[in-house]
Amino acid sequence: MSDNTANTTAAEVLAPLHELQVRVVGEAGAPPHGRVRDDLVATEVPVALVFNGISHAVMMATPQELEDFALGFALSEGIVDSADDCYGIDVAMISDAAAGLPEGVQGVEVQLDIASACFERLKGRRRSLTGRTGCGVCGVESMAALDLSPPPAMHRDWIERIDLPTVLKALAQMAPRQQINAKAGSLHAAAWANIDGDVTEVTEDVGRHNALDKLIGARARNGRLHESGFVVMTSRGSHELVRKCARVGIGALATVSAPTVMGVRMAELSGIRLWGLCRTPRGVLYAGGNAPTDGLVDRIDKPVSI
């Protein structure tokens, strides 16, 4: 480890929050120059995902639940087909000097030992994803490699039960369980809810896709990924979130903000039920899933210029 990081422990780097001294300006009753106080800020570090000794992706993430994150990423990106294809996961600190990072900025390396068949498939379609933080396009060498054809969802006879009251019930349970965001105010969350709208677990990360991967990984590690239920997220309904859900067989997704056109199209192609702009007392159903919904089946998309 380089001298400039010798005093930084793994626990400090892997802490989800750091305390910083800041100056708050503009509060009622405060002097014009503001007041100095301590503030909690979310940690964000580069996390390298290494499969059978070969680095495949570097993601900026909150360094918590990294084993779940790595497994969820491997599943949602189609690198492995099931949790059984991953034989082991190890997390190691990488110093600033070793990683080529700025002074005082350490990284994390997550080593995954995966089945040889999965690794051979990965090598066949491997491309650089370094630094991808949310666009789902960075590092792709051609449009044909975008992977915009998600697998179709299986038929679910319960899909219509994921209605607005059920979605809003789940959404109302999220905030009290977003413990890191309550202190830092800068993290997304992904929650799993059963078909009655009861939230069973919440994961957090500075990246919305990372939060979803952590949730996917946690459920896969516990053998609960294919239970009936849906995902609620504090983000927009972007296409990569829908694609990740489709990849692992999640049948419904609800988001606080609006989706993109590509997100809606991904939901239509994969048969996922997609809710957006879910803020009590309303929500918008953009795709009905495998249950046809009035007003969506014969919708005509029209580009609008502003």
C-alpha atoms as a PDB file:
ATOM      1  CA  MET A   1       0.000   0.000   0.000  1.00  0.00           C
ATOM      2  CA  SER A   2       1.288   3.462  -0.851  1.00  0.00           C
ATOM      3  CA  ASP A   3       2.364   5.789   1.933  1.00  0.00           C
ATOM      4  CA  ASN A   4      -0.455   8.234   1.266  1.00  0.00           C
ATOM      5  CA  THR A   5      -3.096   5.590   1.991  1.00  0.00           C
ATOM      6  CA  ALA A   6      -1.264   3.732   4.728  1.00  0.00           C
ATOM      7  CA  ASN A   7      -3.493   5.218   7.413  1.00  0.00           C
ATOM      8  CA  THR A   8      -6.732   4.360   5.584  1.00  0.00           C
ATOM      9  CA  THR A   9      -8.265   1.139   6.812  1.00  0.00           C
ATOM     10  CA  ALA A  10     -10.512  -1.181   4.839  1.00  0.00           C
ATOM     11  CA  ALA A  11     -13.324  -0.403   7.277  1.00  0.00           C
ATOM     12  CA  GLU A  12     -13.028   3.307   6.464  1.00  0.00           C
ATOM     13  CA  VAL A  13     -13.061   2.759   2.716  1.00  0.00           C
ATOM     14  CA  LEU A  14     -15.958   0.318   2.945  1.00  0.00           C
ATOM     15  CA  ALA A  15     -18.016   2.554   5.230  1.00  0.00           C
ATOM     16  CA  PRO A  16     -21.166   3.710   3.407  1.00  0.00           C
ATOM     17  CA  LEU A  17     -20.938   7.184   4.979  1.00  0.00           C
ATOM     18  CA  HIS A  18     -18.139   9.638   5.727  1.00  0.00           C
ATOM     19  CA  GLU A  19     -18.271  12.682   7.982  1.00  0.00           C
ATOM     20  CA  LEU A  20     -17.144  15.946   6.408  1.00  0.00           C
ATOM     21  CA  GLN A  21     -17.025  19.509   7.661  1.00  0.00           C
ATOM     22  CA  VAL A  22     -19.181  21.779   5.517  1.00  0.00           C
ATOM     23  CA  ARG A  23     -20.473  25.356   5.524  1.00  0.00           C
ATOM     24  CA  VAL A  24     -24.265  25.740   5.388  1.00  0.00           C
ATOM     25  CA  VAL A  25     -25.419  29.055   3.955  1.00  0.00           C
ATOM     26  CA  GLY A  26     -28.920  30.515   3.755  1.00  0.00           C
ATOM     27  CA  GLU A  27     -30.597  29.057   6.828  1.00  0.00           C
ATOM     28  CA  ALA A  28     -33.016  31.244   8.747  1.00  0.00           C
ATOM     29  CA  GLY A  29     -31.245  33.130  11.530  1.00  0.00           C
ATOM     30  CA  ALA A  30     -27.764  32.177  10.322  1.00  0.00           C
ATOM     31  CA  PRO A  31     -25.095  34.818   9.635  1.00  0.00           C
ATOM     32  CA  PRO A  32     -24.567  35.754   5.961  1.00  0.00           C
ATOM     33  CA  HIS A  33     -21.435  33.630   5.729  1.00  0.00           C
ATOM     34  CA  GLY A  34     -23.314  30.612   7.107  1.00  0.00           C
ATOM     35  CA  ARG A  35     -22.428  28.106   9.804  1.00  0.00           C
ATOM     36  CA  VAL A  36     -19.805  25.379   9.828  1.00  0.00           C
ATOM     37  CA  ARG A  37     -21.047  21.947  10.839  1.00  0.00           C
ATOM     38  CA  ASP A  38     -20.373  18.243  10.358  1.00  0.00           C
ATOM     39  CA  ASP A  39     -22.268  16.484   7.592  1.00  0.00           C
ATOM     40  CA  LEU A  40     -22.606  12.858   6.502  1.00  0.00           C
ATOM     41  CA  VAL A  41     -21.821  12.208   2.840  1.00  0.00           C
ATOM     42  CA  ALA A  42     -22.321   8.962   0.925  1.00  0.00           C
ATOM     43  CA  THR A  43     -19.236   6.978  -0.031  1.00  0.00           C
ATOM     44  CA  GLU A  44     -18.641   6.256  -3.713  1.00  0.00           C
ATOM     45  CA  VAL A  45     -15.711   4.096  -4.799  1.00  0.00           C
ATOM     46  CA  PRO A  46     -14.635   2.304  -7.987  1.00  0.00           C
ATOM     47  CA  VAL A  47     -15.511  -1.376  -7.750  1.00  0.00           C
ATOM     48  CA  ALA A  48     -13.827  -3.726 -10.214  1.00  0.00           C
ATOM     49  CA  LEU A  49     -15.745  -6.900 -11.023  1.00  0.00           C
ATOM     50  CA  VAL A  50     -13.306  -9.658 -11.925  1.00  0.00           C
ATOM     51  CA  PHE A  51     -14.498 -12.971 -13.361  1.00  0.00           C
ATOM     52  CA  ASN A  52     -12.080 -15.910 -13.187  1.00  0.00           C
ATOM     53  CA  GLY A  53      -9.154 -13.517 -12.981  1.00  0.00           C
ATOM     54  CA  ILE A  54     -10.204 -11.202 -15.836  1.00  0.00           C
ATOM     55  CA  SER A  55     -11.522  -7.704 -15.054  1.00  0.00           C
ATOM     56  CA  HIS A  56     -14.826  -7.177 -16.851  1.00  0.00           C
ATOM     57  CA  ALA A  57     -16.310  -3.975 -15.463  1.00  0.00           C
ATOM     58  CA  VAL A  58     -15.537  -1.100 -13.115  1.00  0.00           C
ATOM     59  CA  MET A  59     -18.574   0.464 -11.471  1.00  0.00           C
ATOM     60  CA  MET A  60     -18.855   3.465  -9.165  1.00  0.00           C
ATOM     61  CA  ALA A  61     -20.786   2.161  -6.193  1.00  0.00           C
ATOM     62  CA  THR A  62     -21.548   2.475  -2.507  1.00  0.00           C
ATOM     63  CA  PRO A  63     -19.163  -0.084  -0.910  1.00  0.00           C
ATOM     64  CA  GLN A  64     -21.761  -2.079   0.953  1.00  0.00           C
ATOM     65  CA  GLU A  65     -23.282  -5.506   0.212  1.00  0.00           C
ATOM     66  CA  LEU A  66     -20.674  -5.965  -2.523  1.00  0.00           C
ATOM     67  CA  GLU A  67     -21.061  -9.741  -2.690  1.00  0.00           C
ATOM     68  CA  ASP A  68     -24.772  -9.271  -3.427  1.00  0.00           C
ATOM     69  CA  PHE A  69     -23.940  -6.532  -5.924  1.00  0.00           C
ATOM     70  CA  ALA A  70     -21.451  -8.690  -7.802  1.00  0.00           C
ATOM     71  CA  LEU A  71     -23.768 -11.684  -8.003  1.00  0.00           C
ATOM     72  CA  GLY A  72     -26.725  -9.509  -8.995  1.00  0.00           C
ATOM     73  CA  PHE A  73     -24.664  -7.871 -11.734  1.00  0.00           C
ATOM     74  CA  ALA A  74     -23.547 -11.260 -13.028  1.00  0.00           C
ATOM     75  CA  LEU A  75     -27.156 -12.464 -13.160  1.00  0.00           C
ATOM     76  CA  SER A  76     -28.774  -9.313 -14.559  1.00  0.00           C
ATOM     77  CA  GLU A  77     -26.110  -8.976 -17.260  1.00  0.00           C
ATOM     78  CA  GLY A  78     -26.454 -12.608 -18.301  1.00  0.00           C
ATOM     79  CA  ILE A  79     -22.922 -13.562 -17.291  1.00  0.00           C
ATOM     80  CA  VAL A  80     -24.210 -16.438 -15.167  1.00  0.00           C
ATOM     81  CA  ASP A  81     -27.571 -18.160 -15.437  1.00  0.00           C
ATOM     82  CA  SER A  82     -28.112 -18.896 -11.761  1.00  0.00           C
ATOM     83  CA  ALA A  83     -26.488 -18.385  -8.385  1.00  0.00           C
ATOM     84  CA  ASP A  84     -25.202 -21.967  -8.642  1.00  0.00           C
ATOM     85  CA  ASP A  85     -22.916 -20.870 -11.497  1.00  0.00           C
ATOM     86  CA  CYS A  86     -20.954 -18.710  -9.045  1.00  0.00           C
ATOM     87  CA  TYR A  87     -18.649 -20.811  -6.877  1.00  0.00           C
ATOM     88  CA  GLY A  88     -17.159 -18.067  -4.735  1.00  0.00           C
ATOM     89  CA  ILE A  89     -16.891 -14.294  -4.224  1.00  0.00           C
ATOM     90  CA  ASP A  90     -13.969 -12.494  -2.585  1.00  0.00           C
ATOM     91  CA  VAL A  91     -13.680  -8.765  -1.833  1.00  0.00           C
ATOM     92  CA  ALA A  92     -10.265  -7.078  -1.607  1.00  0.00           C
ATOM     93  CA  MET A  93      -9.020  -3.520  -1.167  1.00  0.00           C
ATOM     94  CA  ILE A  94      -6.855  -1.985  -3.903  1.00  0.00           C
ATOM     95  CA  SER A  95      -4.558   0.916  -3.002  1.00  0.00           C
ATOM     96  CA  ASP A  96      -4.525   4.160  -4.960  1.00  0.00           C
ATOM     97  CA  ALA A  97      -1.067   3.415  -6.369  1.00  0.00           C
ATOM     98  CA  ALA A  98      -1.902  -0.132  -7.442  1.00  0.00           C
ATOM     99  CA  ALA A  99      -5.166   0.942  -9.079  1.00  0.00           C
ATOM    100  CA  GLY A 100      -3.798   4.080 -10.724  1.00  0.00           C
ATOM    101  CA  LEU A 101      -6.284   6.213  -8.812  1.00  0.00           C
ATOM    102  CA  PRO A 102      -5.828   9.766  -7.470  1.00  0.00           C
ATOM    103  CA  GLU A 103      -3.952  10.107  -4.205  1.00  0.00           C
ATOM    104  CA  GLY A 104      -6.027   8.968  -1.256  1.00  0.00           C
ATOM    105  CA  VAL A 105      -8.695   7.284  -3.409  1.00  0.00           C
ATOM    106  CA  GLN A 106      -8.772   3.539  -2.935  1.00  0.00           C
ATOM    107  CA  GLY A 107     -10.708   1.001  -4.927  1.00  0.00           C
ATOM    108  CA  VAL A 108     -12.314  -2.368  -4.308  1.00  0.00           C
ATOM    109  CA  GLU A 109     -11.876  -5.526  -6.336  1.00  0.00           C
ATOM    110  CA  VAL A 110     -14.519  -8.240  -6.257  1.00  0.00           C
ATOM    111  CA  GLN A 111     -13.298 -11.587  -7.554  1.00  0.00           C
ATOM    112  CA  LEU A 112     -15.940 -14.043  -8.766  1.00  0.00           C
ATOM    113  CA  ASP A 113     -15.200 -17.681  -9.529  1.00  0.00           C
ATOM    114  CA  ILE A 114     -17.773 -18.762 -12.115  1.00  0.00           C
ATOM    115  CA  ALA A 115     -18.540 -21.928 -14.075  1.00  0.00           C
ATOM    116  CA  SER A 116     -16.260 -22.535 -17.043  1.00  0.00           C
ATOM    117  CA  ALA A 117     -19.174 -22.584 -19.518  1.00  0.00           C
ATOM    118  CA  CYS A 118     -20.310 -19.144 -18.321  1.00  0.00           C
ATOM    119  CA  PHE A 119     -16.768 -17.819 -18.493  1.00  0.00           C
ATOM    120  CA  GLU A 120     -16.300 -19.060 -22.051  1.00  0.00           C
ATOM    121  CA  ARG A 121     -19.538 -17.337 -23.027  1.00  0.00           C
ATOM    122  CA  LEU A 122     -18.401 -14.147 -21.332  1.00  0.00           C
ATOM    123  CA  LYS A 123     -15.098 -14.160 -23.192  1.00  0.00           C
ATOM    124  CA  GLY A 124     -16.987 -14.614 -26.450  1.00  0.00           C
ATOM    125  CA  ARG A 125     -18.981 -11.400 -26.027  1.00  0.00           C
ATOM    126  CA  ARG A 126     -16.711  -9.474 -23.703  1.00  0.00           C
ATOM    127  CA  ARG A 127     -16.478  -5.763 -24.212  1.00  0.00           C
ATOM    128  CA  SER A 128     -15.212  -2.891 -22.095  1.00  0.00           C
ATOM    129  CA  LEU A 129     -17.781  -1.535 -19.650  1.00  0.00           C
ATOM    130  CA  THR A 130     -15.284   0.485 -17.593  1.00  0.00           C
ATOM    131  CA  GLY A 131     -16.902   3.471 -15.913  1.00  0.00           C
ATOM    132  CA  ARG A 132     -20.451   2.648 -16.912  1.00  0.00           C
ATOM    133  CA  THR A 133     -22.587   4.398 -14.322  1.00  0.00           C
ATOM    134  CA  GLY A 134     -26.039   4.289 -15.794  1.00  0.00           C
ATOM    135  CA  CYS A 135     -26.305   4.868 -19.528  1.00  0.00           C
ATOM    136  CA  GLY A 136     -26.046   1.209 -20.475  1.00  0.00           C
ATOM    137  CA  VAL A 137     -24.280   2.200 -23.699  1.00  0.00           C
ATOM    138  CA  CYS A 138     -20.789   3.364 -22.703  1.00  0.00           C
ATOM    139  CA  GLY A 139     -18.096   1.025 -23.978  1.00  0.00           C
ATOM    140  CA  VAL A 140     -20.339  -0.693 -26.507  1.00  0.00           C
ATOM    141  CA  GLU A 141     -18.561  -0.921 -29.842  1.00  0.00           C
ATOM    142  CA  SER A 142     -21.598  -1.223 -32.116  1.00  0.00           C
ATOM    143  CA  MET A 143     -25.369  -0.735 -31.950  1.00  0.00           C
ATOM    144  CA  ALA A 144     -25.874  -4.452 -32.476  1.00  0.00           C
ATOM    145  CA  ALA A 145     -24.102  -5.061 -29.160  1.00  0.00           C
ATOM    146  CA  LEU A 146     -26.546  -2.997 -27.111  1.00  0.00           C
ATOM    147  CA  ASP A 147     -28.515  -6.091 -26.034  1.00  0.00           C
ATOM    148  CA  LEU A 148     -31.906  -4.411 -26.417  1.00  0.00           C
ATOM    149  CA  SER A 149     -33.885  -7.628 -26.943  1.00  0.00           C
ATOM    150  CA  PRO A 150     -34.840  -8.757 -23.429  1.00  0.00           C
ATOM    151  CA  PRO A 151     -36.185 -12.264 -22.924  1.00  0.00           C
ATOM    152  CA  PRO A 152     -40.001 -12.451 -22.720  1.00  0.00           C
ATOM    153  CA  ALA A 153     -41.478 -12.776 -19.257  1.00  0.00           C
ATOM    154  CA  MET A 154     -43.345 -15.907 -18.289  1.00  0.00           C
ATOM    155  CA  HIS A 155     -47.119 -15.607 -17.881  1.00  0.00           C
ATOM    156  CA  ARG A 156     -48.128 -14.568 -14.367  1.00  0.00           C
ATOM    157  CA  ASP A 157     -51.747 -14.969 -13.335  1.00  0.00           C
ATOM    158  CA  TRP A 158     -51.214 -12.508 -10.473  1.00  0.00           C
ATOM    159  CA  ILE A 159     -49.895  -9.599 -12.529  1.00  0.00           C
ATOM    160  CA  GLU A 160     -53.120  -7.563 -12.379  1.00  0.00           C
ATOM    161  CA  ARG A 161     -52.874  -7.556  -8.595  1.00  0.00           C
ATOM    162  CA  ILE A 162     -49.924  -5.175  -8.954  1.00  0.00           C
ATOM    163  CA  ASP A 163     -52.321  -2.230  -9.126  1.00  0.00           C
ATOM    164  CA  LEU A 164     -51.887   1.351  -7.942  1.00  0.00           C
ATOM    165  CA  PRO A 165     -52.959   0.795  -4.290  1.00  0.00           C
ATOM    166  CA  THR A 166     -50.517  -2.112  -4.039  1.00  0.00           C
ATOM    167  CA  VAL A 167     -47.673  -0.096  -5.571  1.00  0.00           C
ATOM    168  CA  LEU A 168     -48.318   2.930  -3.349  1.00  0.00           C
ATOM    169  CA  LYS A 169     -48.509   0.688  -0.274  1.00  0.00           C
ATOM    170  CA  ALA A 170     -45.038  -0.627  -1.053  1.00  0.00           C
ATOM    171  CA  LEU A 171     -43.703   2.831  -1.830  1.00  0.00           C
ATOM    172  CA  ALA A 172     -44.868   4.153   1.550  1.00  0.00           C
ATOM    173  CA  GLN A 173     -42.776   1.498   3.314  1.00  0.00           C
ATOM    174  CA  MET A 174     -39.523   2.394   1.576  1.00  0.00           C
ATOM    175  CA  ALA A 175     -38.474   5.706   3.133  1.00  0.00           C
ATOM    176  CA  PRO A 176     -38.287   4.435   6.745  1.00  0.00           C
ATOM    177  CA  ARG A 177     -36.009   1.621   5.567  1.00  0.00           C
ATOM    178  CA  GLN A 178     -33.637   3.821   3.552  1.00  0.00           C
ATOM    179  CA  GLN A 179     -31.315   4.262   6.509  1.00  0.00           C
ATOM    180  CA  ILE A 180     -28.248   5.484   4.612  1.00  0.00           C
ATOM    181  CA  ASN A 181     -30.185   7.889   2.428  1.00  0.00           C
ATOM    182  CA  ALA A 182     -31.872   9.346   5.509  1.00  0.00           C
ATOM    183  CA  LYS A 183     -28.420  10.485   6.652  1.00  0.00           C
ATOM    184  CA  ALA A 184     -26.818  11.396   3.330  1.00  0.00           C
ATOM    185  CA  GLY A 185     -29.726  12.187   1.009  1.00  0.00           C
ATOM    186  CA  SER A 186     -27.990  10.965  -2.146  1.00  0.00           C
ATOM    187  CA  LEU A 187     -28.742   7.258  -2.551  1.00  0.00           C
ATOM    188  CA  HIS A 188     -31.236   5.380  -4.661  1.00  0.00           C
ATOM    189  CA  ALA A 189     -33.130   2.411  -3.271  1.00  0.00           C
ATOM    190  CA  ALA A 190     -34.581  -0.783  -4.691  1.00  0.00           C
ATOM    191  CA  ALA A 191     -37.222  -2.653  -2.704  1.00  0.00           C
ATOM    192  CA  TRP A 192     -38.800  -6.057  -3.076  1.00  0.00           C
ATOM    193  CA  ALA A 193     -42.521  -6.290  -2.330  1.00  0.00           C
ATOM    194  CA  ASN A 194     -44.782  -9.313  -2.395  1.00  0.00           C
ATOM    195  CA  ILE A 195     -47.999  -9.256  -4.419  1.00  0.00           C
ATOM    196  CA  ASP A 196     -49.838  -7.774  -1.431  1.00  0.00           C
ATOM    197  CA  GLY A 197     -47.496  -4.764  -1.421  1.00  0.00           C
ATOM    198  CA  ASP A 198     -45.564  -5.713   1.713  1.00  0.00           C
ATOM    199  CA  VAL A 199     -41.881  -4.734   1.426  1.00  0.00           C
ATOM    200  CA  THR A 200     -39.506  -7.425   2.634  1.00  0.00           C
ATOM    201  CA  GLU A 201     -36.102  -5.895   1.851  1.00  0.00           C
ATOM    202  CA  VAL A 202     -34.507  -2.663   0.666  1.00  0.00           C
ATOM    203  CA  THR A 203     -31.061  -2.097  -0.837  1.00  0.00           C
ATOM    204  CA  GLU A 204     -29.322   1.258  -1.331  1.00  0.00           C
ATOM    205  CA  ASP A 205     -26.594   2.615  -3.583  1.00  0.00           C
ATOM    206  CA  VAL A 206     -25.504   5.834  -5.256  1.00  0.00           C
ATOM    207  CA  GLY A 207     -26.376   4.125  -8.562  1.00  0.00           C
ATOM    208  CA  ARG A 208     -29.935   3.074  -9.264  1.00  0.00           C
ATOM    209  CA  HIS A 209     -28.799   0.036 -11.285  1.00  0.00           C
ATOM    210  CA  ASN A 210     -26.377  -0.927  -8.499  1.00  0.00           C
ATOM    211  CA  ALA A 211     -29.211  -0.843  -5.959  1.00  0.00           C
ATOM    212  CA  LEU A 212     -31.222  -3.173  -8.198  1.00  0.00           C
ATOM    213  CA  ASP A 213     -28.274  -5.536  -8.664  1.00  0.00           C
ATOM    214  CA  LYS A 214     -27.775  -5.671  -4.895  1.00  0.00           C
ATOM    215  CA  LEU A 215     -31.429  -6.597  -4.467  1.00  0.00           C
ATOM    216  CA  ILE A 216     -31.221  -9.242  -7.197  1.00  0.00           C
ATOM    217  CA  GLY A 217     -28.044 -10.684  -5.710  1.00  0.00           C
ATOM    218  CA  ALA A 218     -29.417 -10.797  -2.176  1.00  0.00           C
ATOM    219  CA  ARG A 219     -32.536 -12.633  -3.263  1.00  0.00           C
ATOM    220  CA  ALA A 220     -30.585 -15.018  -5.474  1.00  0.00           C
ATOM    221  CA  ARG A 221     -28.191 -15.894  -2.634  1.00  0.00           C
ATOM    222  CA  ASN A 222     -31.209 -16.765  -0.471  1.00  0.00           C
ATOM    223  CA  GLY A 223     -32.954 -18.750  -3.210  1.00  0.00           C
ATOM    224  CA  ARG A 224     -35.867 -16.283  -3.330  1.00  0.00           C
ATOM    225  CA  LEU A 225     -35.360 -14.577  -6.680  1.00  0.00           C
ATOM    226  CA  HIS A 226     -38.283 -16.282  -8.397  1.00  0.00           C
ATOM    227  CA  GLU A 227     -40.929 -15.707  -5.732  1.00  0.00           C
ATOM    228  CA  SER A 228     -44.065 -13.809  -6.716  1.00  0.00           C
ATOM    229  CA  GLY A 229     -43.626 -10.077  -6.238  1.00  0.00           C
ATOM    230  CA  PHE A 230     -42.319  -6.880  -7.775  1.00  0.00           C
ATOM    231  CA  VAL A 231     -39.609  -4.245  -7.498  1.00  0.00           C
ATOM    232  CA  VAL A 232     -40.113  -0.629  -6.420  1.00  0.00           C
ATOM    233  CA  MET A 233     -37.371   1.926  -7.087  1.00  0.00           C
ATOM    234  CA  THR A 234     -36.718   5.568  -6.210  1.00  0.00           C
ATOM    235  CA  SER A 235     -35.420   6.315  -9.715  1.00  0.00           C
ATOM    236  CA  ARG A 236     -36.733   6.748 -13.231  1.00  0.00           C
ATOM    237  CA  GLY A 237     -37.740   3.682 -15.227  1.00  0.00           C
ATOM    238  CA  SER A 238     -34.726   3.540 -17.524  1.00  0.00           C
ATOM    239  CA  HIS A 239     -34.270   0.818 -20.097  1.00  0.00           C
ATOM    240  CA  GLU A 240     -31.413  -0.939 -18.302  1.00  0.00           C
ATOM    241  CA  LEU A 241     -33.503  -1.391 -15.149  1.00  0.00           C
ATOM    242  CA  VAL A 242     -36.299  -2.993 -17.154  1.00  0.00           C
ATOM    243  CA  ARG A 243     -33.781  -5.169 -19.010  1.00  0.00           C
ATOM    244  CA  LYS A 244     -32.185  -6.325 -15.756  1.00  0.00           C
ATOM    245  CA  CYS A 245     -35.605  -7.253 -14.351  1.00  0.00           C
ATOM    246  CA  ALA A 246     -36.477  -9.138 -17.525  1.00  0.00           C
ATOM    247  CA  ARG A 247     -33.154 -10.970 -17.500  1.00  0.00           C
ATOM    248  CA  VAL A 248     -33.767 -12.491 -14.044  1.00  0.00           C
ATOM    249  CA  GLY A 249     -37.516 -13.062 -14.415  1.00  0.00           C
ATOM    250  CA  ILE A 250     -38.957 -10.180 -12.381  1.00  0.00           C
ATOM    251  CA  GLY A 251     -42.463  -9.512 -13.676  1.00  0.00           C
ATOM    252  CA  ALA A 252     -43.225  -5.975 -12.519  1.00  0.00           C
ATOM    253  CA  LEU A 253     -41.353  -2.751 -11.796  1.00  0.00           C
ATOM    254  CA  ALA A 254     -42.625   0.491 -10.269  1.00  0.00           C
ATOM    255  CA  THR A 255     -40.583   3.702 -10.110  1.00  0.00           C
ATOM    256  CA  VAL A 256     -41.021   7.055  -8.410  1.00  0.00           C
ATOM    257  CA  SER A 257     -40.019   9.014 -11.499  1.00  0.00           C
ATOM    258  CA  ALA A 258     -41.077   8.624 -15.115  1.00  0.00           C
ATOM    259  CA  PRO A 259     -39.673   6.048 -17.513  1.00  0.00           C
ATOM    260  CA  THR A 260     -38.009   6.751 -20.819  1.00  0.00           C
ATOM    261  CA  VAL A 261     -39.523   5.734 -24.146  1.00  0.00           C
ATOM    262  CA  MET A 262     -36.892   2.986 -24.367  1.00  0.00           C
ATOM    263  CA  GLY A 263     -37.818   1.819 -20.878  1.00  0.00           C
ATOM    264  CA  VAL A 264     -41.467   1.514 -21.878  1.00  0.00           C
ATOM    265  CA  ARG A 265     -40.544  -0.317 -25.069  1.00  0.00           C
ATOM    266  CA  MET A 266     -38.338  -2.735 -23.134  1.00  0.00           C
ATOM    267  CA  ALA A 267     -41.274  -3.439 -20.819  1.00  0.00           C
ATOM    268  CA  GLU A 268     -43.588  -4.060 -23.776  1.00  0.00           C
ATOM    269  CA  LEU A 269     -41.121  -6.394 -25.471  1.00  0.00           C
ATOM    270  CA  SER A 270     -40.430  -8.381 -22.319  1.00  0.00           C
ATOM    271  CA  GLY A 271     -43.986  -8.465 -20.928  1.00  0.00           C
ATOM    272  CA  ILE A 272     -43.097  -6.583 -17.746  1.00  0.00           C
ATOM    273  CA  ARG A 273     -45.733  -4.519 -15.959  1.00  0.00           C
ATOM    274  CA  LEU A 274     -44.273  -1.022 -15.622  1.00  0.00           C
ATOM    275  CA  TRP A 275     -45.553   1.703 -13.311  1.00  0.00           C
ATOM    276  CA  GLY A 276     -43.996   5.173 -13.218  1.00  0.00           C
ATOM    277  CA  LEU A 277     -44.479   8.551 -11.536  1.00  0.00           C
ATOM    278  CA  CYS A 278     -45.728   6.690  -8.474  1.00  0.00           C
ATOM    279  CA  ARG A 279     -46.294   9.451  -5.966  1.00  0.00           C
ATOM    280  CA  THR A 280     -49.304   9.281  -3.691  1.00  0.00           C
ATOM    281  CA  PRO A 281     -52.138   9.528  -4.620  1.00  0.00           C
ATOM    282  CA  ARG A 282     -51.374   8.806  -8.289  1.00  0.00           C
ATOM    283  CA  GLY A 283     -49.322   6.658 -10.585  1.00  0.00           C
ATOM    284  CA  VAL A 284     -49.071   5.977 -14.318  1.00  0.00           C
ATOM    285  CA  LEU A 285     -49.296   2.509 -15.842  1.00  0.00           C
ATOM    286  CA  TYR A 286     -47.020   2.554 -18.889  1.00  0.00           C
ATOM    287  CA  ALA A 287     -47.041  -1.163 -19.733  1.00  0.00           C
ATOM    288  CA  GLY A 288     -49.557  -3.700 -18.524  1.00  0.00           C
ATOM    289  CA  GLY A 289     -47.383  -6.772 -18.532  1.00  0.00           C
ATOM    290  CA  ASN A 290     -48.897  -9.984 -19.780  1.00  0.00           C
ATOM    291  CA  ALA A 291     -52.353  -8.659 -18.869  1.00  0.00           C
ATOM    292  CA  PRO A 292     -53.765  -6.288 -21.564  1.00  0.00           C
ATOM    293  CA  THR A 293     -54.712  -2.904 -20.154  1.00  0.00           C
ATOM    294  CA  ASP A 294     -57.260  -0.458 -21.557  1.00  0.00           C
ATOM    295  CA  GLY A 295     -55.626   2.444 -23.314  1.00  0.00           C
ATOM    296  CA  LEU A 296     -52.240   0.748 -23.689  1.00  0.00           C
ATOM    297  CA  VAL A 297     -52.864  -1.989 -26.226  1.00  0.00           C
ATOM    298  CA  ASP A 298     -53.631   0.267 -29.205  1.00  0.00           C
ATOM    299  CA  ARG A 299     -51.493   3.203 -28.173  1.00  0.00           C
ATOM    300  CA  ILE A 300     -49.736   5.092 -30.966  1.00  0.00           C
ATOM    301  CA  ASP A 301     -46.436   6.714 -30.094  1.00  0.00           C
ATOM    302  CA  LYS A 302     -45.960  10.159 -31.577  1.00  0.00           C
ATOM    303  CA  PRO A 303     -42.735  12.153 -31.393  1.00  0.00           C
ATOM    304  CA  VAL A 304     -43.209  15.629 -29.963  1.00  0.00           C
ATOM    305  CA  SER A 305     -40.977  18.614 -30.678  1.00  0.00           C
ATOM    306  CA  ILE A 306     -40.545  21.316 -28.041  1.00  0.00           C
END
